[in-house]
Amino acid sequence: MIQLNQHATPDPEVVVTELEGLEGKEAVLLHLGTKMYFTLNETGLRIWQMLNSGLTPEEISEQFLKEFDISPEKAKESILNLIDELITEKLVKVADGWSD
């Protein structure tokens, strides 16, 4: 599991397409190497954007508290869970390599 202070960055082989859906903004991630795709809702897309800008999960959590009406515990849990899922799907890398 990724830690709050670790950096995770999108894999360079991932292409992102942002869409306007019925529920708001969404994104489809496509890993060109594995040909696997992954969809993100608006909240997931926001996490992806912050990862892409170099923020740690802890920094993302702090930003979420400013942007959304969410408890600190729920923000951290949701962010860590999504990032762990993205790591499992090989869509993001932890700074020291892949985390399993």
Protein backbone atom coordinates (compact mmCIF):
# COMPACT_ATOMS: atom_id res chain seq x y z
CA MET A 1 0.00 0.00 0.00
CA ILE A 2 1.27 3.46 -0.85
CA GLN A 3 2.07 5.74 2.06
CA LEU A 4 0.77 9.29 2.45
CA ASN A 5 4.23 10.82 1.94
CA GLN A 6 5.24 8.78 -1.13
CA HIS A 7 5.14 10.14 -4.64
CA ALA A 8 3.27 8.24 -7.33
CA THR A 9 3.34 9.36 -10.93
CA PRO A 10 1.29 8.36 -13.95
CA ASP A 11 3.03 5.85 -16.20
CA PRO A 12 4.21 7.60 -19.38
CA GLU A 13 2.49 4.91 -21.48
CA VAL A 14 -0.94 5.96 -20.19
CA VAL A 15 -3.10 8.12 -22.42
CA VAL A 16 -5.92 10.08 -20.79
CA THR A 17 -9.14 11.15 -22.48
CA GLU A 18 -11.40 13.46 -20.50
CA LEU A 19 -15.13 13.27 -21.22
CA GLU A 20 -18.26 15.12 -20.18
CA GLY A 21 -20.66 12.51 -18.88
CA LEU A 22 -24.10 12.60 -17.33
CA GLU A 23 -22.51 12.65 -13.87
CA GLY A 24 -20.00 15.38 -14.75
CA LYS A 25 -16.43 15.05 -15.91
CA GLU A 26 -15.00 11.58 -16.39
CA ALA A 27 -11.79 10.18 -17.79
CA VAL A 28 -10.71 7.04 -19.58
CA LEU A 29 -7.13 5.90 -19.02
CA LEU A 30 -5.57 3.64 -21.64
CA HIS A 31 -2.24 1.93 -21.02
CA LEU A 32 -0.66 1.64 -24.47
CA GLY A 33 1.61 -1.22 -23.38
CA THR A 34 -0.98 -3.49 -21.77
CA LYS A 35 -3.99 -2.26 -23.83
CA MET A 36 -5.98 -2.14 -20.58
CA TYR A 37 -8.31 0.76 -19.91
CA PHE A 38 -9.66 2.20 -16.71
CA THR A 39 -12.40 4.76 -16.13
CA LEU A 40 -12.40 7.50 -13.51
CA ASN A 41 -15.30 9.53 -12.20
CA GLU A 42 -14.91 13.24 -11.55
CA THR A 43 -13.30 12.71 -8.14
CA GLY A 44 -10.92 10.09 -9.52
CA LEU A 45 -10.01 12.42 -12.37
CA ARG A 46 -9.18 15.15 -9.85
CA ILE A 47 -6.88 12.73 -7.97
CA TRP A 48 -5.24 11.76 -11.28
CA GLN A 49 -4.64 15.42 -12.15
CA MET A 50 -3.02 16.07 -8.78
CA LEU A 51 -0.82 12.98 -9.07
CA ASN A 52 0.20 14.22 -12.49
CA SER A 53 1.21 17.57 -10.97
CA GLY A 54 3.53 15.82 -8.49
CA LEU A 55 1.49 15.94 -5.29
CA THR A 56 1.79 13.20 -2.67
CA PRO A 57 -1.37 11.46 -1.37
CA GLU A 58 -1.09 13.58 1.78
CA GLU A 59 -0.99 16.79 -0.25
CA ILE A 60 -3.93 15.57 -2.35
CA SER A 61 -5.86 14.84 0.83
CA GLU A 62 -5.19 18.37 2.12
CA GLN A 63 -6.40 19.82 -1.18
CA PHE A 64 -9.53 17.64 -1.08
CA LEU A 65 -10.43 19.10 2.31
CA LYS A 66 -10.46 22.54 0.67
CA GLU A 67 -12.42 21.45 -2.41
CA PHE A 68 -14.93 18.94 -1.04
CA ASP A 69 -17.10 18.50 2.03
CA ILE A 70 -15.36 15.37 3.32
CA SER A 71 -13.78 14.23 6.57
CA PRO A 72 -9.97 13.98 6.71
CA GLU A 73 -10.18 10.22 7.37
CA LYS A 74 -12.51 9.58 4.43
CA ALA A 75 -10.37 11.74 2.12
CA LYS A 76 -7.18 9.84 2.98
CA GLU A 77 -8.89 6.45 2.73
CA SER A 78 -10.49 7.20 -0.65
CA ILE A 79 -7.30 8.66 -2.12
CA LEU A 80 -5.08 5.82 -0.92
CA ASN A 81 -7.55 3.19 -2.16
CA LEU A 82 -7.73 4.69 -5.65
CA ILE A 83 -3.97 5.14 -5.92
CA ASP A 84 -3.42 1.54 -4.80
CA GLU A 85 -5.86 0.39 -7.48
CA LEU A 86 -4.04 2.48 -10.11
CA ILE A 87 -0.73 0.94 -8.98
CA THR A 88 -2.20 -2.57 -9.23
CA GLU A 89 -3.37 -1.80 -12.77
CA LYS A 90 0.15 -0.47 -13.62
CA LEU A 91 -1.25 2.98 -14.43
CA VAL A 92 0.91 4.80 -11.89
CA LYS A 93 4.34 4.13 -10.46
CA VAL A 94 5.58 4.74 -6.94
CA ALA A 95 8.78 6.82 -6.86
CA ASP A 96 10.92 3.77 -6.03
CA GLY A 97 9.30 1.57 -8.70
CA TRP A 98 6.16 -0.53 -8.81
CA SER A 99 4.51 -1.32 -5.52
CA ASP A 100 2.87 -4.72 -5.08
